[in-house]
């Protein structure tokens, strides 16, 4: 049954994906062909334009993610394909206008023309494409969940706190996962519990016991989700190396080469200068509105930590009332924080308050891509609670980065540290450009600027004793009661866990 569902899902996704991209292609070339008949005929213009569209779409699908139905949320899939389509259309449109420029041909444009009748057709084509994207994404999710009902899942953890942390993440994918049981890794029936479920989440388990459970899950073909720790990041970025005839994993600390440092800094200078020029009208308008609101100074400065713990002053537009100044009350923003002004809420939602940081990048305090600079008070506290947090300072702080894109404002310190370390250990200049492009997806996420909030977690109580035989099985777990407690039960893990 499981294999049939797998093949049915793959066939469904393949069909919808083919129809989607075919409709995007037809929409663009169908609209633009109204004034450009050459793209419908066998010609150099048609060949070049088609090749540009196909290759750009393939490249941007790798950057943003393609038709990842069932893997990401519907909103994220729609945003990713829409952004890839927008940039593909724009690049292909520019190429078409270049191909249509020929001063020696009376039927062609004597000079390059961006504005004109074709631009209106491009806009119409993109609107049509958005409708096609929404249609096929919605259909894809509808049929995906018809074929694939929620999977029965269990959490094997070392504490109730960790179990609730994992359960809170699973709750955002209720159509994919149904949490029915939470068990301590030393519970006598932990292996039977694994047998009774489709998916197993492992969190905060000591290395030896974790390895045994992973081997057991692998043997019995159970899907595993392992809450990442520092050592998992290190191993995941190791290089395969064979010495004589023995396989080894080559592990070393990531260090930027002189060439990488030079090119990264050069990119920072060019992009920050261009960003300051292009966003200057927005920043000027923001400054005028903030000054008119009479809520203190327009700009806000605060000490932050960057590479090797060096301190610098970050510059942002003020979003909080001056009487509760962040300088004096160094607390991270919470949901519905009364300190945030009405204008500040708008600026935070669309990240406009962070535009002055381009000046920090130009000065060399920050980079375009890197770990997010934290408040000094947070750095000290997080480092005490999560020692791995200090490893983020191997690289210069950034305006955007993996933690900023995949995480949220209220992402836990442990998860922030792991996301930043994943970026650091996988660093490359091409990865930086990929993250720059992916930054745009943040604006499509409602929860990206969500403040800290204590939410009740729908999570069963962790079992440390085996179930009675008559109650065994996933159906007995049910939906646990909501708990607000963040205190764990059972033994604590050998590794640091938050």
Protein backbone atom coordinates (compact mmCIF):
# COMPACT_ATOMS: atom_id res chain seq x y z
CA UNK A 1 0.00 0.00 0.00
CA UNK A 2 2.79 2.41 0.91
CA UNK A 3 4.61 1.69 -2.35
CA UNK A 4 1.42 2.29 -4.36
CA UNK A 5 0.96 5.64 -2.66
CA UNK A 6 4.55 6.56 -3.43
CA UNK A 7 4.20 5.82 -7.14
CA UNK A 8 0.77 7.47 -7.34
CA UNK A 9 2.20 10.59 -5.69
CA UNK A 10 5.17 10.71 -8.06
CA UNK A 11 2.92 10.28 -11.10
CA UNK A 12 0.55 13.00 -9.90
CA UNK A 13 3.36 15.45 -9.19
CA UNK A 14 5.04 14.73 -12.53
CA UNK A 15 1.83 15.32 -14.49
CA UNK A 16 0.89 18.54 -12.67
CA UNK A 17 4.46 19.82 -12.83
CA UNK A 18 4.66 19.22 -16.60
CA UNK A 19 1.30 20.92 -17.15
CA UNK A 20 2.30 23.86 -14.93
CA UNK A 21 5.58 24.64 -16.64
CA UNK A 22 4.05 24.09 -20.07
CA UNK A 23 1.31 26.61 -19.20
CA UNK A 24 3.93 29.12 -17.97
CA UNK A 25 5.82 28.74 -21.25
CA UNK A 26 2.69 29.08 -23.39
CA UNK A 27 1.43 32.07 -21.38
CA UNK A 28 4.67 34.01 -21.87
CA UNK A 29 5.25 33.26 -25.53
CA UNK A 30 1.54 33.40 -26.40
CA UNK A 31 1.21 36.94 -25.06
CA UNK A 32 4.53 38.25 -26.38
CA UNK A 33 3.90 36.73 -29.84
CA UNK A 34 1.09 39.28 -30.37
CA UNK A 35 3.74 41.89 -31.25
CA UNK A 36 6.67 39.54 -31.87
CA UNK A 37 5.70 37.05 -34.57
CA UNK A 38 9.34 36.01 -34.96
CA UNK A 39 9.21 33.93 -31.74
CA UNK A 40 6.58 31.67 -33.34
CA UNK A 41 8.74 30.90 -36.36
CA UNK A 42 11.98 28.99 -36.72
CA UNK A 43 14.46 31.82 -36.26
CA UNK A 44 17.45 32.92 -34.26
CA UNK A 45 15.20 35.17 -32.17
CA UNK A 46 12.89 32.27 -31.30
CA UNK A 47 15.76 29.89 -30.50
CA UNK A 48 17.61 32.37 -28.31
CA UNK A 49 14.48 33.49 -26.46
CA UNK A 50 13.24 29.94 -25.82
CA UNK A 51 16.68 28.82 -24.62
CA UNK A 52 16.86 31.82 -22.27
CA UNK A 53 13.44 31.05 -20.81
CA UNK A 54 14.10 27.33 -20.29
CA UNK A 55 17.61 27.67 -18.85
CA UNK A 56 16.68 30.56 -16.56
CA UNK A 57 13.62 28.72 -15.27
CA UNK A 58 15.71 25.61 -14.55
CA UNK A 59 18.37 27.63 -12.72
CA UNK A 60 15.90 29.64 -10.63
CA UNK A 61 13.91 26.50 -9.80
CA UNK A 62 17.09 25.17 -8.20
CA UNK A 63 17.53 28.43 -6.28
CA UNK A 64 13.96 28.88 -5.07
CA UNK A 65 12.74 25.30 -5.16
CA UNK A 66 10.33 23.92 -7.72
CA UNK A 67 7.06 22.05 -7.45
CA UNK A 68 7.76 20.75 -3.93
CA UNK A 69 4.23 19.67 -3.15
CA UNK A 70 3.91 18.05 0.27
CA UNK A 71 7.41 19.12 1.32
CA UNK A 72 6.81 22.82 1.97
CA UNK A 73 3.71 24.77 2.88
CA UNK A 74 1.41 25.70 0.02
CA UNK A 75 2.15 29.41 0.48
CA UNK A 76 5.91 28.80 0.26
CA UNK A 77 5.60 26.70 -2.92
CA UNK A 78 3.41 29.35 -4.54
CA UNK A 79 5.86 32.11 -3.58
CA UNK A 80 8.92 30.17 -4.78
CA UNK A 81 7.49 29.32 -8.21
CA UNK A 82 6.09 32.86 -8.60
CA UNK A 83 9.47 34.46 -7.90
CA UNK A 84 11.25 32.07 -10.26
CA UNK A 85 8.67 32.84 -12.95
CA UNK A 86 8.90 36.61 -12.44
CA UNK A 87 12.68 36.72 -12.85
CA UNK A 88 12.54 34.24 -15.75
CA UNK A 89 10.01 36.44 -17.54
CA UNK A 90 12.03 39.57 -16.88
CA UNK A 91 15.33 38.12 -18.10
CA UNK A 92 13.70 36.53 -21.16
CA UNK A 93 11.91 39.79 -21.94
CA UNK A 94 15.21 41.71 -21.86
CA UNK A 95 16.77 39.11 -24.15
CA UNK A 96 13.83 39.41 -26.55
CA UNK A 97 14.21 43.18 -26.69
CA UNK A 98 17.94 42.78 -27.38
CA UNK A 99 17.19 40.36 -30.21
CA UNK A 100 14.64 42.83 -31.61
CA UNK A 101 17.23 45.63 -31.74
CA UNK A 102 18.78 46.10 -35.17
CA UNK A 103 19.42 49.61 -36.57
CA UNK A 104 19.94 48.17 -40.07
CA UNK A 105 16.56 46.43 -40.19
CA UNK A 106 13.53 48.67 -40.79
CA UNK A 107 11.22 46.07 -39.17
CA UNK A 108 13.28 45.97 -35.95
CA UNK A 109 13.84 48.53 -33.20
CA UNK A 110 16.67 50.94 -33.96
CA UNK A 111 17.72 50.89 -30.29
CA UNK A 112 17.05 48.86 -27.16
CA UNK A 113 13.57 49.55 -25.78
CA UNK A 114 12.44 48.36 -22.37
CA UNK A 115 9.26 50.43 -22.01
CA UNK A 116 6.54 50.05 -24.54
CA UNK A 117 3.71 47.87 -25.77
CA UNK A 118 5.64 44.66 -25.04
CA UNK A 119 5.92 45.57 -21.36
CA UNK A 120 2.13 45.65 -21.02
CA UNK A 121 1.97 42.22 -22.65
CA UNK A 122 4.64 40.97 -20.23
CA UNK A 123 2.54 42.19 -17.31
CA UNK A 124 -0.52 40.45 -18.71
CA UNK A 125 1.43 37.24 -19.21
CA UNK A 126 2.66 37.29 -15.60
CA UNK A 127 -0.86 37.78 -14.23
CA UNK A 128 -2.00 34.79 -16.28
CA UNK A 129 0.98 32.78 -15.03
CA UNK A 130 0.13 33.60 -11.40
CA UNK A 131 -3.34 32.18 -11.94
CA UNK A 132 -1.84 29.02 -13.47
CA UNK A 133 0.61 28.66 -10.58
CA UNK A 134 -2.13 29.01 -7.97
CA UNK A 135 -4.36 26.53 -9.83
CA UNK A 136 -1.76 23.79 -10.16
CA UNK A 137 -0.33 24.28 -6.67
CA UNK A 138 -3.81 24.11 -5.13
CA UNK A 139 -4.70 21.04 -7.20
CA UNK A 140 -1.38 19.43 -6.33
CA UNK A 141 -1.94 19.81 -2.59
CA UNK A 142 -5.54 18.66 -2.83
CA UNK A 143 -4.64 15.41 -4.57
CA UNK A 144 -1.44 14.92 -2.59
CA UNK A 145 -3.33 14.74 0.69
CA UNK A 146 -6.03 12.59 -0.87
CA UNK A 147 -3.36 10.06 -1.78
CA UNK A 148 -1.33 10.54 1.40
CA UNK A 149 -3.28 10.72 4.67
CA UNK A 150 -1.44 12.04 7.74
CA UNK A 151 1.34 9.74 8.90
CA UNK A 152 1.26 8.31 12.42
CA UNK A 153 4.28 9.77 14.22
CA UNK A 154 5.97 9.32 17.55
CA UNK A 155 8.62 11.37 19.33
CA UNK A 156 11.48 9.64 21.12
CA UNK A 157 13.17 12.20 23.32
CA UNK A 158 15.03 12.75 26.56
CA UNK A 159 12.66 15.31 28.12
CA UNK A 160 9.14 16.68 27.86
CA UNK A 161 10.62 20.07 26.96
CA UNK A 162 12.30 18.70 23.86
CA UNK A 163 9.21 16.72 22.91
CA UNK A 164 7.10 19.89 23.06
CA UNK A 165 9.66 21.74 20.97
CA UNK A 166 9.44 19.08 18.24
CA UNK A 167 5.64 18.88 18.55
CA UNK A 168 5.33 22.64 18.02
CA UNK A 169 7.17 22.29 14.69
CA UNK A 170 5.09 19.30 13.63
CA UNK A 171 1.92 21.27 14.38
CA UNK A 172 2.57 23.53 11.38
CA UNK A 173 2.24 20.46 9.13
CA UNK A 174 -0.90 18.89 10.56
CA UNK A 175 -1.93 17.43 7.21
CA UNK A 176 1.35 15.51 6.98
CA UNK A 177 1.97 14.36 10.55
CA UNK A 178 -0.32 13.02 13.26
CA UNK A 179 1.46 12.88 16.60
CA UNK A 180 0.11 9.94 18.62
CA UNK A 181 2.80 9.09 21.16
CA UNK A 182 5.79 10.53 23.00
CA UNK A 183 8.20 8.15 24.69
CA UNK A 184 11.45 8.43 26.64
CA UNK A 185 14.39 6.83 24.86
CA UNK A 186 14.93 4.46 27.82
CA UNK A 187 11.30 3.35 27.99
CA UNK A 188 11.17 -0.48 27.83
CA UNK A 189 8.75 -0.54 24.86
CA UNK A 190 10.48 2.14 22.78
CA UNK A 191 11.21 -0.32 19.96
CA UNK A 192 7.62 -1.55 19.87
CA UNK A 193 6.47 2.08 19.77
CA UNK A 194 8.71 2.66 16.74
CA UNK A 195 7.25 -0.42 15.07
CA UNK A 196 3.72 0.95 15.54
CA UNK A 197 4.42 4.26 13.75
CA UNK A 198 5.31 5.42 10.25
CA UNK A 199 7.64 8.29 11.20
CA UNK A 200 9.97 8.65 14.20
CA UNK A 201 11.30 11.96 15.53
CA UNK A 202 14.46 11.69 17.64
CA UNK A 203 15.47 14.58 19.89
CA UNK A 204 18.22 15.08 22.48
CA UNK A 205 19.18 11.41 22.83
CA UNK A 206 22.73 10.50 23.95
CA UNK A 207 24.97 9.41 21.10
CA UNK A 208 25.17 5.68 21.90
CA UNK A 209 21.43 5.23 22.36
CA UNK A 210 20.69 7.43 19.36
CA UNK A 211 22.91 5.30 17.10
CA UNK A 212 21.12 2.13 18.25
CA UNK A 213 17.69 3.62 17.59
CA UNK A 214 18.76 4.94 14.19
CA UNK A 215 20.01 1.48 13.22
CA UNK A 216 16.75 -0.08 14.41
CA UNK A 217 14.66 2.41 12.41
CA UNK A 218 16.79 1.87 9.32
CA UNK A 219 16.48 -1.91 9.66
CA UNK A 220 12.70 -1.69 9.86
CA UNK A 221 12.36 0.93 7.11
CA UNK A 222 11.09 3.70 9.36
CA UNK A 223 11.43 7.34 8.33
CA UNK A 224 13.58 9.29 10.82
CA UNK A 225 13.70 12.99 11.62
CA UNK A 226 16.70 13.79 13.79
CA UNK A 227 16.78 17.11 15.65
CA UNK A 228 20.18 18.44 14.58
CA UNK A 229 23.01 18.98 17.05
CA UNK A 230 26.45 20.50 16.52
CA UNK A 231 28.09 17.14 15.80
CA UNK A 232 25.40 16.37 13.22
CA UNK A 233 26.26 19.58 11.36
CA UNK A 234 29.96 18.70 11.44
CA UNK A 235 29.37 15.20 10.11
CA UNK A 236 26.93 16.36 7.43
CA UNK A 237 29.57 18.65 5.90
CA UNK A 238 32.40 16.11 6.03
CA UNK A 239 34.19 15.15 2.81
CA UNK A 240 34.60 11.53 1.78
CA UNK A 241 38.26 10.54 1.63
CA UNK A 242 39.80 7.13 0.93
CA UNK A 243 43.25 6.48 2.41
CA UNK A 244 44.72 3.40 0.79
CA UNK A 245 41.57 1.25 0.77
CA UNK A 246 39.91 2.55 3.97
CA UNK A 247 37.07 5.09 3.77
CA UNK A 248 37.41 8.14 6.04
CA UNK A 249 35.37 11.28 6.60
CA UNK A 250 37.58 14.37 6.33
CA UNK A 251 36.42 17.00 8.84
CA UNK A 252 37.98 20.42 9.27
CA UNK A 253 36.93 23.90 10.33
CA UNK A 254 35.78 26.06 7.45
CA UNK A 255 38.15 28.95 6.71
CA UNK A 256 37.67 31.47 3.91
CA UNK A 257 40.52 31.63 1.41
CA UNK A 258 42.06 34.99 0.53
CA UNK A 259 40.27 34.89 -2.83
CA UNK A 260 36.92 34.20 -1.16
CA UNK A 261 37.43 37.01 1.36
CA UNK A 262 38.34 39.47 -1.40
CA UNK A 263 35.39 38.52 -3.63
CA UNK A 264 32.92 38.47 -0.74
CA UNK A 265 34.02 41.93 0.38
CA UNK A 266 33.91 43.23 -3.20
CA UNK A 267 30.36 41.93 -3.59
CA UNK A 268 29.39 43.54 -0.28
CA UNK A 269 30.66 46.93 -1.44
CA UNK A 270 28.99 46.78 -4.86
CA UNK A 271 25.65 45.46 -3.59
CA UNK A 272 25.46 47.80 -0.59
CA UNK A 273 26.25 50.86 -2.72
CA UNK A 274 23.64 49.83 -5.30
CA UNK A 275 21.16 49.08 -2.50
CA UNK A 276 21.67 52.48 -0.87
CA UNK A 277 21.06 54.24 -4.19
CA UNK A 278 18.02 52.17 -5.19
CA UNK A 279 16.34 52.28 -1.78
CA UNK A 280 17.15 55.93 -1.04
CA UNK A 281 13.61 57.12 -1.99
CA UNK A 282 12.10 54.52 0.38
CA UNK A 283 14.50 55.46 3.18
CA UNK A 284 13.84 59.18 2.66
CA UNK A 285 10.08 58.65 2.83
CA UNK A 286 10.49 56.49 5.94
CA UNK A 287 12.63 59.13 7.63
CA UNK A 288 10.02 61.83 6.91
CA UNK A 289 7.18 59.68 8.30
CA UNK A 290 9.16 58.80 11.45
CA UNK A 291 10.12 62.41 12.04
CA UNK A 292 6.52 63.53 11.59
CA UNK A 293 5.28 60.89 14.03
CA UNK A 294 7.28 62.57 16.82
CA UNK A 295 8.40 59.34 18.46
CA UNK A 296 12.03 60.24 18.97
CA UNK A 297 15.02 60.06 16.67
CA UNK A 298 14.64 58.57 13.20
CA UNK A 299 17.59 56.19 13.51
CA UNK A 300 18.30 53.71 16.25
CA UNK A 301 21.80 52.47 17.14
CA UNK A 302 22.70 49.50 19.27
CA UNK A 303 25.85 47.51 20.03
CA UNK A 304 25.95 44.13 18.30
CA UNK A 305 28.59 41.38 17.98
CA UNK A 306 30.16 40.26 14.70
CA UNK A 307 33.16 38.13 13.68
CA UNK A 308 35.47 37.11 16.54
CA UNK A 309 33.20 38.91 19.01
CA UNK A 310 34.05 42.37 17.65
CA UNK A 311 31.51 45.00 18.74
CA UNK A 312 29.95 47.46 16.29
CA UNK A 313 26.92 49.77 16.26
CA UNK A 314 24.08 48.54 14.10
CA UNK A 315 21.89 51.18 12.44
CA UNK A 316 18.14 50.71 11.99
CA UNK A 317 15.05 52.86 11.66
CA UNK A 318 13.44 53.36 15.07
CA UNK A 319 10.37 51.17 15.53
CA UNK A 320 9.82 51.52 19.31
CA UNK A 321 8.68 54.35 21.54
CA UNK A 322 11.64 56.31 23.01
CA UNK A 323 10.32 56.06 26.58
CA UNK A 324 10.86 52.28 26.39
CA UNK A 325 14.11 52.51 24.52
CA UNK A 326 15.69 49.25 23.42
CA UNK A 327 19.01 50.66 24.59
CA UNK A 328 17.69 50.69 28.15
CA UNK A 329 15.30 47.76 27.96
CA UNK A 330 17.26 45.17 26.02
CA UNK A 331 14.52 42.65 25.54
CA UNK A 332 13.66 41.02 22.23
CA UNK A 333 10.32 42.03 20.79
CA UNK A 334 7.34 39.87 21.73
CA UNK A 335 4.06 39.31 19.93
CA UNK A 336 1.85 42.43 20.15
CA UNK A 337 4.68 44.23 21.96
CA UNK A 338 3.37 47.55 23.32
CA UNK A 339 6.79 49.14 22.80
CA UNK A 340 6.42 48.97 19.00
CA UNK A 341 4.85 52.00 17.32
CA UNK A 342 2.12 51.66 14.65
CA UNK A 343 4.60 52.85 12.01
CA UNK A 344 7.18 50.48 13.48
CA UNK A 345 4.89 47.48 12.97
CA UNK A 346 4.65 48.28 9.28
CA UNK A 347 8.42 48.79 8.98
CA UNK A 348 9.13 45.51 10.76
CA UNK A 349 6.61 43.55 8.67
CA UNK A 350 8.29 44.53 5.41
CA UNK A 351 11.85 44.70 6.84
CA UNK A 352 12.15 48.38 5.90
CA UNK A 353 13.64 49.14 9.33
CA UNK A 354 16.73 47.16 8.32
CA UNK A 355 17.59 49.14 5.18
CA UNK A 356 20.07 51.48 6.98
CA UNK A 357 22.17 48.38 7.70
CA UNK A 358 23.38 48.67 4.11
CA UNK A 359 25.60 51.44 5.52
CA UNK A 360 26.98 48.93 8.06
CA UNK A 361 27.75 46.60 5.15
CA UNK A 362 29.48 49.35 3.17
CA UNK A 363 31.60 50.28 6.21
CA UNK A 364 32.65 46.66 6.69
CA UNK A 365 30.85 46.06 9.99
CA UNK A 366 28.58 43.49 8.34
CA UNK A 367 28.30 41.40 5.20
CA UNK A 368 25.27 41.00 2.93
CA UNK A 369 25.08 37.29 3.87
CA UNK A 370 26.08 35.90 7.25
CA UNK A 371 24.82 35.04 10.75
CA UNK A 372 22.34 37.53 12.16
CA UNK A 373 23.98 39.96 14.64
CA UNK A 374 22.44 39.51 18.08
CA UNK A 375 22.17 41.97 20.96
CA UNK A 376 25.12 41.65 23.35
CA UNK A 377 22.81 40.69 26.21
CA UNK A 378 21.35 37.88 24.10
CA UNK A 379 24.79 36.68 23.01
CA UNK A 380 25.97 36.31 26.61
CA UNK A 381 22.77 34.59 27.73
CA UNK A 382 22.46 32.31 24.70
CA UNK A 383 26.12 31.28 24.91
CA UNK A 384 25.63 30.22 28.53
CA UNK A 385 22.52 28.23 27.63
CA UNK A 386 23.75 26.95 24.25
CA UNK A 387 27.58 26.80 23.99
CA UNK A 388 27.32 26.19 20.21
CA UNK A 389 26.02 29.76 19.82
CA UNK A 390 29.58 31.09 20.07
CA UNK A 391 30.59 29.28 16.86
CA UNK A 392 28.42 31.72 14.87
CA UNK A 393 31.15 34.32 15.30
CA UNK A 394 33.46 32.46 12.91
CA UNK A 395 32.04 34.66 10.15
CA UNK A 396 31.05 38.32 9.84
CA UNK A 397 27.44 39.09 10.74
CA UNK A 398 25.07 39.45 7.80
CA UNK A 399 22.01 41.37 6.66
CA UNK A 400 20.49 38.10 5.45
CA UNK A 401 21.40 34.44 5.84
CA UNK A 402 20.08 30.92 6.21
CA UNK A 403 18.76 31.56 9.74
CA UNK A 404 16.99 34.73 8.62
CA UNK A 405 15.37 32.98 5.63
CA UNK A 406 14.45 29.60 7.10
CA UNK A 407 14.00 30.80 10.66
CA UNK A 408 11.83 33.43 12.28
CA UNK A 409 12.44 36.31 14.67
CA UNK A 410 11.42 34.06 17.55
CA UNK A 411 13.40 30.99 16.44
CA UNK A 412 15.06 29.37 19.45
CA UNK A 413 18.75 30.20 20.10
CA UNK A 414 19.70 26.54 19.56
CA UNK A 415 17.99 26.38 16.16
CA UNK A 416 19.46 29.77 15.15
CA UNK A 417 22.95 28.50 16.00
CA UNK A 418 22.48 25.29 14.01
CA UNK A 419 21.12 27.15 10.96
CA UNK A 420 24.02 29.61 11.06
CA UNK A 421 26.54 26.78 11.40
CA UNK A 422 24.97 25.00 8.42
CA UNK A 423 25.59 28.17 6.40
CA UNK A 424 29.15 28.60 7.67
CA UNK A 425 30.16 25.00 7.04
CA UNK A 426 28.60 25.00 3.55
CA UNK A 427 29.90 28.44 2.59
CA UNK A 428 30.58 29.30 -1.03
CA UNK A 429 30.10 32.46 -3.06
CA UNK A 430 27.45 30.74 -5.18
CA UNK A 431 25.61 29.81 -1.97
CA UNK A 432 25.71 33.49 -0.95
CA UNK A 433 24.05 34.52 -4.22
CA UNK A 434 21.45 31.79 -3.80
CA UNK A 435 20.59 33.06 -0.32
CA UNK A 436 20.39 36.65 -1.58
CA UNK A 437 17.78 35.62 -4.14
CA UNK A 438 15.92 33.47 -1.63
CA UNK A 439 15.66 36.40 0.79
CA UNK A 440 12.67 37.63 -1.21
CA UNK A 441 10.66 34.60 -0.06
CA UNK A 442 10.65 36.04 3.48
CA UNK A 443 8.11 38.68 2.43
CA UNK A 444 5.59 35.94 1.61
CA UNK A 445 5.74 34.45 5.12
CA UNK A 446 3.31 35.77 7.69
CA UNK A 447 5.31 34.42 10.63
CA UNK A 448 8.80 35.64 9.65
CA UNK A 449 8.63 38.67 11.99
CA UNK A 450 6.56 36.95 14.68
CA UNK A 451 7.66 38.02 18.16
CA UNK A 452 8.38 35.75 21.11
CA UNK A 453 5.26 34.24 22.65
CA UNK A 454 4.50 31.48 25.11
CA UNK A 455 2.09 29.24 23.23
CA UNK A 456 0.40 26.12 24.60
CA UNK A 457 1.76 23.05 22.85
CA UNK A 458 -0.47 20.19 21.75
CA UNK A 459 1.76 17.33 22.86
CA UNK A 460 1.07 14.08 24.75
CA UNK A 461 2.85 13.55 28.03
CA UNK A 462 6.08 11.63 27.59
CA UNK A 463 5.89 7.98 28.67
CA UNK A 464 8.64 6.41 30.71
CA UNK A 465 6.74 3.16 31.31
CA UNK A 466 5.40 0.69 28.73
CA UNK A 467 1.75 0.81 27.78
CA UNK A 468 -0.56 -1.96 28.90
CA UNK A 469 -0.89 -4.57 26.16
CA UNK A 470 -4.54 -3.70 25.55
CA UNK A 471 -3.63 -0.05 24.91
CA UNK A 472 -0.63 -0.58 22.67
CA UNK A 473 -0.59 0.94 19.21
CA UNK A 474 -0.68 4.41 17.74
CA UNK A 475 -4.45 4.77 17.92
CA UNK A 476 -4.30 4.90 21.73
CA UNK A 477 -2.05 7.93 21.81
CA UNK A 478 -4.73 10.29 20.61
CA UNK A 479 -4.23 14.01 20.74
CA UNK A 480 -2.54 14.88 24.00
CA UNK A 481 -3.68 17.66 26.23
CA UNK A 482 -2.32 21.13 25.65
CA UNK A 483 0.50 21.97 27.97
CA UNK A 484 2.27 25.23 28.59
CA UNK A 485 5.01 23.71 30.69
CA UNK A 486 8.53 23.91 29.36
CA UNK A 487 10.09 21.77 32.07
CA UNK A 488 11.26 18.35 30.97
CA UNK A 489 10.70 15.03 32.61
CA UNK A 490 12.98 12.05 32.56
CA UNK A 491 16.73 12.01 32.20
CA UNK A 492 18.55 14.88 30.57
CA UNK A 493 20.54 14.23 27.37
CA UNK A 494 24.33 14.04 27.37
CA UNK A 495 24.40 16.66 24.63
CA UNK A 496 23.24 20.20 25.20
CA UNK A 497 19.61 20.53 24.20
CA UNK A 498 17.23 23.44 24.38
